[in-house]
Amino acid sequence: MTGYYITVVGLMALVSYLPRVIPIVLLRKKIENKFLLSFLKYMPYGVLSAMIFPAVFTSCANPVSSAAGCITAVVLSFKKLGLLPVALISSAVVFIVERVMAVM
């Protein structure tokens, strides 16, 4: 079973590393294409979002509390709060909603 995990971690490392290395290896001169620059800049955020977002709705006992925490995190992020306050407040919202739903 350990070999399976090593294979999975290696494959994930390869998939996340290749999009960054290929342009460096293939393109020796400075990249001036704005589309390509923005693609390379936002790639890590897109990959991270694709990995985390589905887990948001399955991490709690109730999907309503997960949605409340997700909405809270999005609103606070748009208000330019830092990572720690967003995480703490969103977790508190999930905790409160879970407790309220348990009473109902």
PDB file of N, CA and C in Angstrom:
ATOM      1  N   MET A   1       0.818  -1.199   0.000  1.00  0.00           N
ATOM      2  CA  MET A   1       0.000   0.000   0.000  1.00  0.00           C
ATOM      3  C   MET A   1       0.862   1.264   0.000  1.00  0.00           C
ATOM      4  N   THR A   2       2.047   1.182   0.599  1.00  0.00           N
ATOM      5  CA  THR A   2       2.946   2.329   0.624  1.00  0.00           C
ATOM      6  C   THR A   2       3.396   2.699  -0.780  1.00  0.00           C
ATOM      7  N   GLY A   3       3.626   1.703  -1.629  1.00  0.00           N
ATOM      8  CA  GLY A   3       4.015   1.975  -3.009  1.00  0.00           C
ATOM      9  C   GLY A   3       2.948   2.742  -3.749  1.00  0.00           C
ATOM     10  N   TYR A   4       1.695   2.485  -3.438  1.00  0.00           N
ATOM     11  CA  TYR A   4       0.577   3.210  -4.063  1.00  0.00           C
ATOM     12  C   TYR A   4       0.641   4.689  -3.712  1.00  0.00           C
ATOM     13  N   TYR A   5       0.855   4.990  -2.421  1.00  0.00           N
ATOM     14  CA  TYR A   5       0.915   6.384  -1.994  1.00  0.00           C
ATOM     15  C   TYR A   5       2.113   7.102  -2.592  1.00  0.00           C
ATOM     16  N   ILE A   6       3.235   6.418  -2.686  1.00  0.00           N
ATOM     17  CA  ILE A   6       4.415   7.019  -3.299  1.00  0.00           C
ATOM     18  C   ILE A   6       4.142   7.323  -4.764  1.00  0.00           C
ATOM     19  N   THR A   7       3.456   6.408  -5.448  1.00  0.00           N
ATOM     20  CA  THR A   7       3.110   6.630  -6.852  1.00  0.00           C
ATOM     21  C   THR A   7       2.171   7.814  -7.000  1.00  0.00           C
ATOM     22  N   VAL A   8       1.157   7.903  -6.141  1.00  0.00           N
ATOM     23  CA  VAL A   8       0.187   8.997  -6.224  1.00  0.00           C
ATOM     24  C   VAL A   8       0.859  10.335  -5.947  1.00  0.00           C
ATOM     25  N   VAL A   9       1.679  10.395  -4.906  1.00  0.00           N
ATOM     26  CA  VAL A   9       2.374  11.645  -4.580  1.00  0.00           C
ATOM     27  C   VAL A   9       3.332  12.024  -5.702  1.00  0.00           C
ATOM     28  N   GLY A  10       4.028  11.052  -6.254  1.00  0.00           N
ATOM     29  CA  GLY A  10       4.930  11.330  -7.371  1.00  0.00           C
ATOM     30  C   GLY A  10       4.190  11.838  -8.593  1.00  0.00           C
ATOM     31  N   LEU A  11       3.054  11.234  -8.882  1.00  0.00           N
ATOM     32  CA  LEU A  11       2.250  11.679 -10.021  1.00  0.00           C
ATOM     33  C   LEU A  11       1.707  13.083  -9.801  1.00  0.00           C
ATOM     34  N   MET A  12       1.255  13.376  -8.593  1.00  0.00           N
ATOM     35  CA  MET A  12       0.764  14.730  -8.297  1.00  0.00           C
ATOM     36  C   MET A  12       1.882  15.755  -8.405  1.00  0.00           C
ATOM     37  N   ALA A  13       3.063  15.391  -7.942  1.00  0.00           N
ATOM     38  CA  ALA A  13       4.196  16.303  -8.046  1.00  0.00           C
ATOM     39  C   ALA A  13       4.549  16.554  -9.510  1.00  0.00           C
ATOM     40  N   LEU A  14       4.513  15.510 -10.311  1.00  0.00           N
ATOM     41  CA  LEU A  14       4.816  15.638 -11.735  1.00  0.00           C
ATOM     42  C   LEU A  14       3.784  16.531 -12.436  1.00  0.00           C
ATOM     43  N   VAL A  15       2.523  16.305 -12.141  1.00  0.00           N
ATOM     44  CA  VAL A  15       1.458  17.076 -12.791  1.00  0.00           C
ATOM     45  C   VAL A  15       1.514  18.549 -12.392  1.00  0.00           C
ATOM     46  N   SER A  16       1.854  18.832 -11.156  1.00  0.00           N
ATOM     47  CA  SER A  16       1.915  20.238 -10.737  1.00  0.00           C
ATOM     48  C   SER A  16       3.238  20.901 -11.126  1.00  0.00           C
ATOM     49  N   TYR A  17       4.282  20.108 -11.335  1.00  0.00           N
ATOM     50  CA  TYR A  17       5.600  20.658 -11.653  1.00  0.00           C
ATOM     51  C   TYR A  17       5.796  20.893 -13.146  1.00  0.00           C
ATOM     52  N   LEU A  18       5.254  20.000 -13.967  1.00  0.00           N
ATOM     53  CA  LEU A  18       5.460  20.103 -15.421  1.00  0.00           C
ATOM     54  C   LEU A  18       4.955  21.414 -16.028  1.00  0.00           C
ATOM     55  N   PRO A  19       3.765  21.895 -15.699  1.00  0.00           N
ATOM     56  CA  PRO A  19       3.324  23.159 -16.314  1.00  0.00           C
ATOM     57  C   PRO A  19       4.239  24.337 -16.002  1.00  0.00           C
ATOM     58  N   ARG A  20       5.005  24.253 -14.953  1.00  0.00           N
ATOM     59  CA  ARG A  20       5.935  25.338 -14.632  1.00  0.00           C
ATOM     60  C   ARG A  20       7.292  25.151 -15.300  1.00  0.00           C
ATOM     61  N   VAL A  21       7.703  23.910 -15.473  1.00  0.00           N
ATOM     62  CA  VAL A  21       9.038  23.644 -16.007  1.00  0.00           C
ATOM     63  C   VAL A  21       9.065  23.696 -17.534  1.00  0.00           C
ATOM     64  N   ILE A  22       8.037  23.194 -18.183  1.00  0.00           N
ATOM     65  CA  ILE A  22       8.023  23.135 -19.650  1.00  0.00           C
ATOM     66  C   ILE A  22       8.254  24.506 -20.286  1.00  0.00           C
ATOM     67  N   PRO A  23       7.550  25.569 -19.860  1.00  0.00           N
ATOM     68  CA  PRO A  23       7.836  26.871 -20.478  1.00  0.00           C
ATOM     69  C   PRO A  23       9.269  27.351 -20.251  1.00  0.00           C
ATOM     70  N   ILE A  24       9.830  27.035 -19.096  1.00  0.00           N
ATOM     71  CA  ILE A  24      11.201  27.468 -18.820  1.00  0.00           C
ATOM     72  C   ILE A  24      12.188  26.723 -19.711  1.00  0.00           C
ATOM     73  N   VAL A  25      11.932  25.443 -19.917  1.00  0.00           N
ATOM     74  CA  VAL A  25      12.842  24.633 -20.729  1.00  0.00           C
ATOM     75  C   VAL A  25      12.699  24.967 -22.213  1.00  0.00           C
ATOM     76  N   LEU A  26      11.466  25.114 -22.675  1.00  0.00           N
ATOM     77  CA  LEU A  26      11.235  25.320 -24.103  1.00  0.00           C
ATOM     78  C   LEU A  26      11.437  26.763 -24.556  1.00  0.00           C
ATOM     79  N   LEU A  27      11.187  27.707 -23.688  1.00  0.00           N
ATOM     80  CA  LEU A  27      11.275  29.119 -24.064  1.00  0.00           C
ATOM     81  C   LEU A  27      12.429  29.771 -23.322  1.00  0.00           C
ATOM     82  N   ARG A  28      13.482  30.063 -24.043  1.00  0.00           N
ATOM     83  CA  ARG A  28      14.663  30.670 -23.437  1.00  0.00           C
ATOM     84  C   ARG A  28      14.542  32.200 -23.358  1.00  0.00           C
ATOM     85  N   LYS A  29      13.807  32.792 -24.283  1.00  0.00           N
ATOM     86  CA  LYS A  29      13.697  34.248 -24.250  1.00  0.00           C
ATOM     87  C   LYS A  29      12.533  34.665 -23.352  1.00  0.00           C
ATOM     88  N   LYS A  30      12.457  35.940 -23.036  1.00  0.00           N
ATOM     89  CA  LYS A  30      11.423  36.459 -22.151  1.00  0.00           C
ATOM     90  C   LYS A  30      10.057  36.325 -22.811  1.00  0.00           C
ATOM     91  N   ILE A  31       9.074  35.864 -22.026  1.00  0.00           N
ATOM     92  CA  ILE A  31       7.703  35.722 -22.527  1.00  0.00           C
ATOM     93  C   ILE A  31       7.033  37.086 -22.483  1.00  0.00           C
ATOM     94  N   GLU A  32       6.514  37.517 -23.624  1.00  0.00           N
ATOM     95  CA  GLU A  32       5.862  38.816 -23.707  1.00  0.00           C
ATOM     96  C   GLU A  32       4.361  38.712 -23.955  1.00  0.00           C
ATOM     97  N   ASN A  33       3.864  37.538 -24.244  1.00  0.00           N
ATOM     98  CA  ASN A  33       2.444  37.335 -24.487  1.00  0.00           C
ATOM     99  C   ASN A  33       1.685  37.493 -23.172  1.00  0.00           C
ATOM    100  N   LYS A  34       0.758  38.457 -23.121  1.00  0.00           N
ATOM    101  CA  LYS A  34       0.034  38.742 -21.884  1.00  0.00           C
ATOM    102  C   LYS A  34      -0.862  37.578 -21.467  1.00  0.00           C
ATOM    103  N   PHE A  35      -1.472  36.916 -22.440  1.00  0.00           N
ATOM    104  CA  PHE A  35      -2.338  35.783 -22.115  1.00  0.00           C
ATOM    105  C   PHE A  35      -1.534  34.666 -21.472  1.00  0.00           C
ATOM    106  N   LEU A  36      -0.411  34.335 -22.050  1.00  0.00           N
ATOM    107  CA  LEU A  36       0.435  33.268 -21.523  1.00  0.00           C
ATOM    108  C   LEU A  36       0.988  33.622 -20.145  1.00  0.00           C
ATOM    109  N   LEU A  37       1.369  34.870 -19.958  1.00  0.00           N
ATOM    110  CA  LEU A  37       1.864  35.306 -18.648  1.00  0.00           C
ATOM    111  C   LEU A  37       0.783  35.191 -17.581  1.00  0.00           C
ATOM    112  N   SER A  38      -0.428  35.615 -17.910  1.00  0.00           N
ATOM    113  CA  SER A  38      -1.508  35.523 -16.924  1.00  0.00           C
ATOM    114  C   SER A  38      -1.878  34.063 -16.658  1.00  0.00           C
ATOM    115  N   PHE A  39      -1.826  33.222 -17.694  1.00  0.00           N
ATOM    116  CA  PHE A  39      -2.097  31.795 -17.515  1.00  0.00           C
ATOM    117  C   PHE A  39      -1.098  31.183 -16.545  1.00  0.00           C
ATOM    118  N   LEU A  40       0.173  31.464 -16.733  1.00  0.00           N
ATOM    119  CA  LEU A  40       1.209  30.912 -15.869  1.00  0.00           C
ATOM    120  C   LEU A  40       1.139  31.483 -14.455  1.00  0.00           C
ATOM    121  N   LYS A  41       0.702  32.732 -14.358  1.00  0.00           N
ATOM    122  CA  LYS A  41       0.605  33.360 -13.044  1.00  0.00           C
ATOM    123  C   LYS A  41      -0.536  32.766 -12.217  1.00  0.00           C
ATOM    124  N   TYR A  42      -1.684  32.514 -12.855  1.00  0.00           N
ATOM    125  CA  TYR A  42      -2.860  32.065 -12.117  1.00  0.00           C
ATOM    126  C   TYR A  42      -3.030  30.551 -12.090  1.00  0.00           C
ATOM    127  N   MET A  43      -2.168  29.805 -12.721  1.00  0.00           N
ATOM    128  CA  MET A  43      -2.265  28.340 -12.731  1.00  0.00           C
ATOM    129  C   MET A  43      -2.288  27.751 -11.322  1.00  0.00           C
ATOM    130  N   PRO A  44      -1.380  28.134 -10.411  1.00  0.00           N
ATOM    131  CA  PRO A  44      -1.419  27.522  -9.072  1.00  0.00           C
ATOM    132  C   PRO A  44      -2.738  27.773  -8.340  1.00  0.00           C
ATOM    133  N   TYR A  45      -3.317  28.959  -8.502  1.00  0.00           N
ATOM    134  CA  TYR A  45      -4.581  29.266  -7.836  1.00  0.00           C
ATOM    135  C   TYR A  45      -5.710  28.410  -8.397  1.00  0.00           C
ATOM    136  N   GLY A  46      -5.712  28.224  -9.683  1.00  0.00           N
ATOM    137  CA  GLY A  46      -6.750  27.400 -10.310  1.00  0.00           C
ATOM    138  C   GLY A  46      -6.659  25.945  -9.895  1.00  0.00           C
ATOM    139  N   VAL A  47      -5.452  25.414  -9.844  1.00  0.00           N
ATOM    140  CA  VAL A  47      -5.265  24.015  -9.444  1.00  0.00           C
ATOM    141  C   VAL A  47      -5.650  23.834  -7.984  1.00  0.00           C
ATOM    142  N   LEU A  48      -5.230  24.752  -7.132  1.00  0.00           N
ATOM    143  CA  LEU A  48      -5.567  24.666  -5.724  1.00  0.00           C
ATOM    144  C   LEU A  48      -7.073  24.752  -5.500  1.00  0.00           C
ATOM    145  N   SER A  49      -7.718  25.642  -6.218  1.00  0.00           N
ATOM    146  CA  SER A  49      -9.177  25.767  -6.106  1.00  0.00           C
ATOM    147  C   SER A  49      -9.882  24.504  -6.567  1.00  0.00           C
ATOM    148  N   ALA A  50      -9.411  23.932  -7.639  1.00  0.00           N
ATOM    149  CA  ALA A  50     -10.029  22.704  -8.151  1.00  0.00           C
ATOM    150  C   ALA A  50      -9.867  21.543  -7.183  1.00  0.00           C
ATOM    151  N   MET A  51      -8.800  21.535  -6.410  1.00  0.00           N
ATOM    152  CA  MET A  51      -8.598  20.455  -5.442  1.00  0.00           C
ATOM    153  C   MET A  51      -9.391  20.695  -4.161  1.00  0.00           C
ATOM    154  N   ILE A  52      -9.483  21.940  -3.717  1.00  0.00           N
ATOM    155  CA  ILE A  52     -10.100  22.237  -2.425  1.00  0.00           C
ATOM    156  C   ILE A  52     -11.613  22.386  -2.508  1.00  0.00           C
ATOM    157  N   PHE A  53     -12.117  23.028  -3.540  1.00  0.00           N
ATOM    158  CA  PHE A  53     -13.534  23.396  -3.572  1.00  0.00           C
ATOM    159  C   PHE A  53     -14.482  22.203  -3.437  1.00  0.00           C
ATOM    160  N   PRO A  54     -14.280  21.073  -4.122  1.00  0.00           N
ATOM    161  CA  PRO A  54     -15.209  19.945  -3.917  1.00  0.00           C
ATOM    162  C   PRO A  54     -15.193  19.406  -2.485  1.00  0.00           C
ATOM    163  N   ALA A  55     -14.043  19.457  -1.831  1.00  0.00           N
ATOM    164  CA  ALA A  55     -13.940  18.946  -0.464  1.00  0.00           C
ATOM    165  C   ALA A  55     -14.655  19.836   0.541  1.00  0.00           C
ATOM    166  N   VAL A  56     -14.877  21.090   0.178  1.00  0.00           N
ATOM    167  CA  VAL A  56     -15.558  22.014   1.081  1.00  0.00           C
ATOM    168  C   VAL A  56     -16.949  21.493   1.425  1.00  0.00           C
ATOM    169  N   PHE A  57     -17.647  20.944   0.453  1.00  0.00           N
ATOM    170  CA  PHE A  57     -19.030  20.551   0.665  1.00  0.00           C
ATOM    171  C   PHE A  57     -19.176  19.148   1.242  1.00  0.00           C
ATOM    172  N   THR A  58     -18.103  18.409   1.337  1.00  0.00           N
ATOM    173  CA  THR A  58     -18.181  17.068   1.920  1.00  0.00           C
ATOM    174  C   THR A  58     -17.440  16.977   3.248  1.00  0.00           C
ATOM    175  N   SER A  59     -16.907  18.077   3.742  1.00  0.00           N
ATOM    176  CA  SER A  59     -16.101  18.043   4.957  1.00  0.00           C
ATOM    177  C   SER A  59     -16.924  18.113   6.233  1.00  0.00           C
ATOM    178  N   CYS A  60     -18.166  18.529   6.132  1.00  0.00           N
ATOM    179  CA  CYS A  60     -19.013  18.673   7.315  1.00  0.00           C
ATOM    180  C   CYS A  60     -20.146  17.651   7.277  1.00  0.00           C
ATOM    181  N   ALA A  61     -20.792  17.523   8.411  1.00  0.00           N
ATOM    182  CA  ALA A  61     -21.906  16.581   8.498  1.00  0.00           C
ATOM    183  C   ALA A  61     -23.119  17.075   7.712  1.00  0.00           C
ATOM    184  N   ASN A  62     -23.247  18.374   7.597  1.00  0.00           N
ATOM    185  CA  ASN A  62     -24.409  18.957   6.942  1.00  0.00           C
ATOM    186  C   ASN A  62     -23.955  19.855   5.784  1.00  0.00           C
ATOM    187  N   PRO A  63     -24.487  19.651   4.590  1.00  0.00           N
ATOM    188  CA  PRO A  63     -24.088  20.507   3.462  1.00  0.00           C
ATOM    189  C   PRO A  63     -24.484  21.970   3.642  1.00  0.00           C
ATOM    190  N   VAL A  64     -25.497  22.233   4.455  1.00  0.00           N
ATOM    191  CA  VAL A  64     -25.910  23.620   4.701  1.00  0.00           C
ATOM    192  C   VAL A  64     -24.814  24.370   5.450  1.00  0.00           C
ATOM    193  N   SER A  65     -24.217  23.731   6.453  1.00  0.00           N
ATOM    194  CA  SER A  65     -23.138  24.388   7.194  1.00  0.00           C
ATOM    195  C   SER A  65     -21.899  24.568   6.312  1.00  0.00           C
ATOM    196  N   SER A  66     -21.652  23.607   5.429  1.00  0.00           N
ATOM    197  CA  SER A  66     -20.531  23.747   4.491  1.00  0.00           C
ATOM    198  C   SER A  66     -20.750  24.933   3.558  1.00  0.00           C
ATOM    199  N   ALA A  67     -21.968  25.066   3.050  1.00  0.00           N
ATOM    200  CA  ALA A  67     -22.283  26.183   2.156  1.00  0.00           C
ATOM    201  C   ALA A  67     -22.181  27.515   2.894  1.00  0.00           C
ATOM    202  N   ALA A  68     -22.630  27.544   4.153  1.00  0.00           N
ATOM    203  CA  ALA A  68     -22.543  28.780   4.940  1.00  0.00           C
ATOM    204  C   ALA A  68     -21.089  29.183   5.150  1.00  0.00           C
ATOM    205  N   GLY A  69     -20.243  28.225   5.471  1.00  0.00           N
ATOM    206  CA  GLY A  69     -18.824  28.524   5.645  1.00  0.00           C
ATOM    207  C   GLY A  69     -18.160  28.967   4.359  1.00  0.00           C
ATOM    208  N   CYS A  70     -18.527  28.335   3.247  1.00  0.00           N
ATOM    209  CA  CYS A  70     -17.960  28.690   1.942  1.00  0.00           C
ATOM    210  C   CYS A  70     -18.372  30.106   1.540  1.00  0.00           C
ATOM    211  N   ILE A  71     -19.638  30.408   1.716  1.00  0.00           N
ATOM    212  CA  ILE A  71     -20.134  31.755   1.373  1.00  0.00           C
ATOM    213  C   ILE A  71     -19.460  32.803   2.249  1.00  0.00           C
ATOM    214  N   THR A  72     -19.323  32.499   3.533  1.00  0.00           N
ATOM    215  CA  THR A  72     -18.641  33.421   4.442  1.00  0.00           C
ATOM    216  C   THR A  72     -17.201  33.657   3.997  1.00  0.00           C
ATOM    217  N   ALA A  73     -16.512  32.593   3.643  1.00  0.00           N
ATOM    218  CA  ALA A  73     -15.115  32.725   3.210  1.00  0.00           C
ATOM    219  C   ALA A  73     -15.000  33.558   1.938  1.00  0.00           C
ATOM    220  N   VAL A  74     -15.909  33.349   1.003  1.00  0.00           N
ATOM    221  CA  VAL A  74     -15.862  34.107  -0.257  1.00  0.00           C
ATOM    222  C   VAL A  74     -16.122  35.594   0.002  1.00  0.00           C
ATOM    223  N   VAL A  75     -17.135  35.889   0.828  1.00  0.00           N
ATOM    224  CA  VAL A  75     -17.465  37.294   1.121  1.00  0.00           C
ATOM    225  C   VAL A  75     -16.306  37.977   1.841  1.00  0.00           C
ATOM    226  N   LEU A  76     -15.742  37.311   2.837  1.00  0.00           N
ATOM    227  CA  LEU A  76     -14.622  37.912   3.566  1.00  0.00           C
ATOM    228  C   LEU A  76     -13.387  38.067   2.695  1.00  0.00           C
ATOM    229  N   SER A  77     -13.185  37.147   1.774  1.00  0.00           N
ATOM    230  CA  SER A  77     -12.047  37.259   0.859  1.00  0.00           C
ATOM    231  C   SER A  77     -12.202  38.453  -0.072  1.00  0.00           C
ATOM    232  N   PHE A  78     -13.430  38.684  -0.534  1.00  0.00           N
ATOM    233  CA  PHE A  78     -13.652  39.842  -1.387  1.00  0.00           C
ATOM    234  C   PHE A  78     -13.502  41.149  -0.625  1.00  0.00           C
ATOM    235  N   LYS A  79     -13.652  41.095   0.696  1.00  0.00           N
ATOM    236  CA  LYS A  79     -13.443  42.294   1.522  1.00  0.00           C
ATOM    237  C   LYS A  79     -11.972  42.469   1.895  1.00  0.00           C
ATOM    238  N   LYS A  80     -11.102  41.641   1.290  1.00  0.00           N
ATOM    239  CA  LYS A  80      -9.642  41.745   1.423  1.00  0.00           C
ATOM    240  C   LYS A  80      -9.136  41.431   2.829  1.00  0.00           C
ATOM    241  N   LEU A  81      -9.827  40.546   3.564  1.00  0.00           N
ATOM    242  CA  LEU A  81      -9.296  40.082   4.843  1.00  0.00           C
ATOM    243  C   LEU A  81      -8.194  39.077   4.583  1.00  0.00           C
ATOM    244  N   GLY A  82      -7.326  38.908   5.549  1.00  0.00           N
ATOM    245  CA  GLY A  82      -6.222  37.971   5.404  1.00  0.00           C
ATOM    246  C   GLY A  82      -6.686  36.523   5.514  1.00  0.00           C
ATOM    247  N   LEU A  83      -5.762  35.613   5.273  1.00  0.00           N
ATOM    248  CA  LEU A  83      -6.072  34.192   5.282  1.00  0.00           C
ATOM    249  C   LEU A  83      -6.517  33.710   6.660  1.00  0.00           C
ATOM    250  N   LEU A  84      -5.816  34.110   7.710  1.00  0.00           N
ATOM    251  CA  LEU A  84      -6.134  33.643   9.055  1.00  0.00           C
ATOM    252  C   LEU A  84      -7.515  34.107   9.521  1.00  0.00           C
ATOM    253  N   PRO A  85      -7.859  35.396   9.398  1.00  0.00           N
ATOM    254  CA  PRO A  85      -9.215  35.797   9.807  1.00  0.00           C
ATOM    255  C   PRO A  85     -10.312  35.105   8.995  1.00  0.00           C
ATOM    256  N   VAL A  86     -10.087  34.936   7.702  1.00  0.00           N
ATOM    257  CA  VAL A  86     -11.092  34.258   6.863  1.00  0.00           C
ATOM    258  C   VAL A  86     -11.277  32.822   7.329  1.00  0.00           C
ATOM    259  N   ALA A  87     -10.181  32.127   7.589  1.00  0.00           N
ATOM    260  CA  ALA A  87     -10.274  30.734   8.028  1.00  0.00           C
ATOM    261  C   ALA A  87     -10.943  30.621   9.392  1.00  0.00           C
ATOM    262  N   LEU A  88     -10.579  31.485  10.319  1.00  0.00           N
ATOM    263  CA  LEU A  88     -11.156  31.421  11.666  1.00  0.00           C
ATOM    264  C   LEU A  88     -12.641  31.769  11.672  1.00  0.00           C
ATOM    265  N   ILE A  89     -13.006  32.827  10.982  1.00  0.00           N
ATOM    266  CA  ILE A  89     -14.411  33.247  10.961  1.00  0.00           C
ATOM    267  C   ILE A  89     -15.265  32.226  10.221  1.00  0.00           C
ATOM    268  N   SER A  90     -14.777  31.709   9.124  1.00  0.00           N
ATOM    269  CA  SER A  90     -15.534  30.699   8.374  1.00  0.00           C
ATOM    270  C   SER A  90     -15.713  29.428   9.194  1.00  0.00           C
ATOM    271  N   SER A  91     -14.671  29.031   9.900  1.00  0.00           N
ATOM    272  CA  SER A  91     -14.783  27.854  10.770  1.00  0.00           C
ATOM    273  C   SER A  91     -15.788  28.094  11.888  1.00  0.00           C
ATOM    274  N   ALA A  92     -15.777  29.302  12.444  1.00  0.00           N
ATOM    275  CA  ALA A  92     -16.748  29.637  13.490  1.00  0.00           C
ATOM    276  C   ALA A  92     -18.172  29.594  12.948  1.00  0.00           C
ATOM    277  N   VAL A  93     -18.372  30.091  11.737  1.00  0.00           N
ATOM    278  CA  VAL A  93     -19.705  30.053  11.124  1.00  0.00           C
ATOM    279  C   VAL A  93     -20.158  28.614  10.930  1.00  0.00           C
ATOM    280  N   VAL A  94     -19.269  27.764  10.442  1.00  0.00           N
ATOM    281  CA  VAL A  94     -19.611  26.350  10.262  1.00  0.00           C
ATOM    282  C   VAL A  94     -19.965  25.720  11.602  1.00  0.00           C
ATOM    283  N   PHE A  95     -19.186  26.005  12.635  1.00  0.00           N
ATOM    284  CA  PHE A  95     -19.445  25.457  13.963  1.00  0.00           C
ATOM    285  C   PHE A  95     -20.815  25.899  14.481  1.00  0.00           C
ATOM    286  N   ILE A  96     -21.114  27.179  14.357  1.00  0.00           N
ATOM    287  CA  ILE A  96     -22.394  27.710  14.838  1.00  0.00           C
ATOM    288  C   ILE A  96     -23.558  27.108  14.067  1.00  0.00           C
ATOM    289  N   VAL A  97     -23.444  27.048  12.751  1.00  0.00           N
ATOM    290  CA  VAL A  97     -24.525  26.487  11.935  1.00  0.00           C
ATOM    291  C   VAL A  97     -24.716  25.002  12.259  1.00  0.00           C
ATOM    292  N   GLU A  98     -23.634  24.264  12.481  1.00  0.00           N
ATOM    293  CA  GLU A  98     -23.745  22.854  12.859  1.00  0.00           C
ATOM    294  C   GLU A  98     -24.510  22.710  14.174  1.00  0.00           C
ATOM    295  N   ARG A  99     -24.207  23.570  15.140  1.00  0.00           N
ATOM    296  CA  ARG A  99     -24.875  23.519  16.451  1.00  0.00           C
ATOM    297  C   ARG A  99     -26.351  23.885  16.315  1.00  0.00           C
ATOM    298  N   VAL A 100     -26.640  24.900  15.525  1.00  0.00           N
ATOM    299  CA  VAL A 100     -28.045  25.308  15.330  1.00  0.00           C
ATOM    300  C   VAL A 100     -28.822  24.207  14.622  1.00  0.00           C
ATOM    301  N   MET A 101     -28.213  23.580  13.617  1.00  0.00           N
ATOM    302  CA  MET A 101     -28.901  22.498  12.886  1.00  0.00           C
ATOM    303  C   MET A 101     -29.097  21.279  13.795  1.00  0.00           C
ATOM    304  N   ALA A 102     -28.210  21.047  14.744  1.00  0.00           N
ATOM    305  CA  ALA A 102     -28.350  19.901  15.652  1.00  0.00           C
ATOM    306  C   ALA A 102     -29.522  20.106  16.608  1.00  0.00           C
ATOM    307  N   VAL A 103     -29.777  21.348  16.980  1.00  0.00           N
ATOM    308  CA  VAL A 103     -30.884  21.655  17.894  1.00  0.00           C
ATOM    309  C   VAL A 103     -32.220  21.503  17.177  1.00  0.00           C
ATOM    310  N   MET A 104     -32.247  21.842  15.909  1.00  0.00           N
ATOM    311  CA  MET A 104     -33.503  21.785  15.156  1.00  0.00           C
ATOM    312  C   MET A 104     -33.918  20.407  14.924  1.00  0.00           C
TER     313      MET A 104
END
